[in-house]
């Protein structure tokens, strides 16, 4: 038997995802600020690219949270 679709806590879960992803983004930025002269250009590029994906994810989570709020 399948579970019913319970969306009661979707907004809270989405906010958790936003907070967690933003914390990772900030941590990576802080790492770059502190160690930019110690890492290779490829490593720096990889971290910057990952942060761009994190920003896109955050935007997506925010849009999804808005959609949930309208329901």
C-alpha atoms as a PDB file:
ATOM      1  CA  UNK A   1       0.000   0.000   0.000  1.00  0.00           C
ATOM      2  CA  UNK A   2       1.405   3.389  -0.949  1.00  0.00           C
ATOM      3  CA  UNK A   3       1.634   6.266   1.438  1.00  0.00           C
ATOM      4  CA  UNK A   4      -0.581   9.288   0.827  1.00  0.00           C
ATOM      5  CA  UNK A   5       1.150  12.376  -0.528  1.00  0.00           C
ATOM      6  CA  UNK A   6       1.805  14.487   2.565  1.00  0.00           C
ATOM      7  CA  UNK A   7       3.125  17.928   1.670  1.00  0.00           C
ATOM      8  CA  UNK A   8       2.555  19.517   5.057  1.00  0.00           C
ATOM      9  CA  UNK A   9       6.253  19.920   5.802  1.00  0.00           C
ATOM     10  CA  UNK A  10       7.616  20.541   2.302  1.00  0.00           C
ATOM     11  CA  UNK A  11       8.279  24.225   2.987  1.00  0.00           C
ATOM     12  CA  UNK A  12      10.293  23.370   6.092  1.00  0.00           C
ATOM     13  CA  UNK A  13      12.304  20.757   4.216  1.00  0.00           C
ATOM     14  CA  UNK A  14      12.965  23.184   1.375  1.00  0.00           C
ATOM     15  CA  UNK A  15      14.123  25.830   3.861  1.00  0.00           C
ATOM     16  CA  UNK A  16      16.505  23.265   5.378  1.00  0.00           C
ATOM     17  CA  UNK A  17      17.907  22.594   1.901  1.00  0.00           C
ATOM     18  CA  UNK A  18      18.300  26.338   1.270  1.00  0.00           C
ATOM     19  CA  UNK A  19      20.080  26.863   4.595  1.00  0.00           C
ATOM     20  CA  UNK A  20      22.378  23.857   4.132  1.00  0.00           C
ATOM     21  CA  UNK A  21      23.300  24.749   0.546  1.00  0.00           C
ATOM     22  CA  UNK A  22      23.922  28.384   1.477  1.00  0.00           C
ATOM     23  CA  UNK A  23      26.165  27.300   4.370  1.00  0.00           C
ATOM     24  CA  UNK A  24      28.192  25.120   1.986  1.00  0.00           C
ATOM     25  CA  UNK A  25      28.475  28.010  -0.461  1.00  0.00           C
ATOM     26  CA  UNK A  26      29.744  30.358   2.261  1.00  0.00           C
ATOM     27  CA  UNK A  27      32.183  27.755   3.544  1.00  0.00           C
ATOM     28  CA  UNK A  28      33.621  27.290   0.056  1.00  0.00           C
ATOM     29  CA  UNK A  29      33.910  31.063  -0.414  1.00  0.00           C
ATOM     30  CA  UNK A  30      35.693  31.376   2.927  1.00  0.00           C
ATOM     31  CA  UNK A  31      38.024  28.537   1.920  1.00  0.00           C
ATOM     32  CA  UNK A  32      38.867  30.313  -1.327  1.00  0.00           C
ATOM     33  CA  UNK A  33      39.497  33.582   0.524  1.00  0.00           C
ATOM     34  CA  UNK A  34      41.876  31.890   2.949  1.00  0.00           C
ATOM     35  CA  UNK A  35      43.658  29.467   0.600  1.00  0.00           C
ATOM     36  CA  UNK A  36      43.480  30.975  -2.887  1.00  0.00           C
ATOM     37  CA  UNK A  37      47.257  31.261  -3.063  1.00  0.00           C
ATOM     38  CA  UNK A  38      47.747  27.624  -1.936  1.00  0.00           C
ATOM     39  CA  UNK A  39      45.485  25.805  -4.402  1.00  0.00           C
ATOM     40  CA  UNK A  40      45.809  25.161  -8.104  1.00  0.00           C
ATOM     41  CA  UNK A  41      43.890  27.084 -10.722  1.00  0.00           C
ATOM     42  CA  UNK A  42      41.936  23.914 -11.527  1.00  0.00           C
ATOM     43  CA  UNK A  43      40.891  23.472  -7.887  1.00  0.00           C
ATOM     44  CA  UNK A  44      39.824  27.105  -7.703  1.00  0.00           C
ATOM     45  CA  UNK A  45      37.841  26.741 -10.921  1.00  0.00           C
ATOM     46  CA  UNK A  46      36.145  23.572  -9.619  1.00  0.00           C
ATOM     47  CA  UNK A  47      35.119  25.259  -6.365  1.00  0.00           C
ATOM     48  CA  UNK A  48      33.820  28.319  -8.204  1.00  0.00           C
ATOM     49  CA  UNK A  49      31.862  26.121 -10.627  1.00  0.00           C
ATOM     50  CA  UNK A  50      30.359  24.153  -7.761  1.00  0.00           C
ATOM     51  CA  UNK A  51      29.333  27.384  -6.060  1.00  0.00           C
ATOM     52  CA  UNK A  52      27.582  28.498  -9.239  1.00  0.00           C
ATOM     53  CA  UNK A  53      25.624  25.241  -9.205  1.00  0.00           C
ATOM     54  CA  UNK A  54      24.831  25.826  -5.533  1.00  0.00           C
ATOM     55  CA  UNK A  55      23.451  29.277  -6.363  1.00  0.00           C
ATOM     56  CA  UNK A  56      21.278  27.748  -9.073  1.00  0.00           C
ATOM     57  CA  UNK A  57      20.057  25.125  -6.609  1.00  0.00           C
ATOM     58  CA  UNK A  58      19.204  27.777  -4.045  1.00  0.00           C
ATOM     59  CA  UNK A  59      17.217  29.691  -6.672  1.00  0.00           C
ATOM     60  CA  UNK A  60      15.372  26.486  -7.544  1.00  0.00           C
ATOM     61  CA  UNK A  61      14.624  25.698  -3.895  1.00  0.00           C
ATOM     62  CA  UNK A  62      13.288  29.229  -3.370  1.00  0.00           C
ATOM     63  CA  UNK A  63      11.039  28.948  -6.422  1.00  0.00           C
ATOM     64  CA  UNK A  64       9.786  25.565  -5.253  1.00  0.00           C
ATOM     65  CA  UNK A  65       9.148  26.920  -1.755  1.00  0.00           C
ATOM     66  CA  UNK A  66       7.091  29.765  -3.247  1.00  0.00           C
ATOM     67  CA  UNK A  67       5.063  27.218  -5.215  1.00  0.00           C
ATOM     68  CA  UNK A  68       4.428  25.221  -2.048  1.00  0.00           C
ATOM     69  CA  UNK A  69       3.340  28.362  -0.199  1.00  0.00           C
ATOM     70  CA  UNK A  70       0.679  29.019  -2.847  1.00  0.00           C
ATOM     71  CA  UNK A  71      -0.953  25.633  -2.306  1.00  0.00           C
END
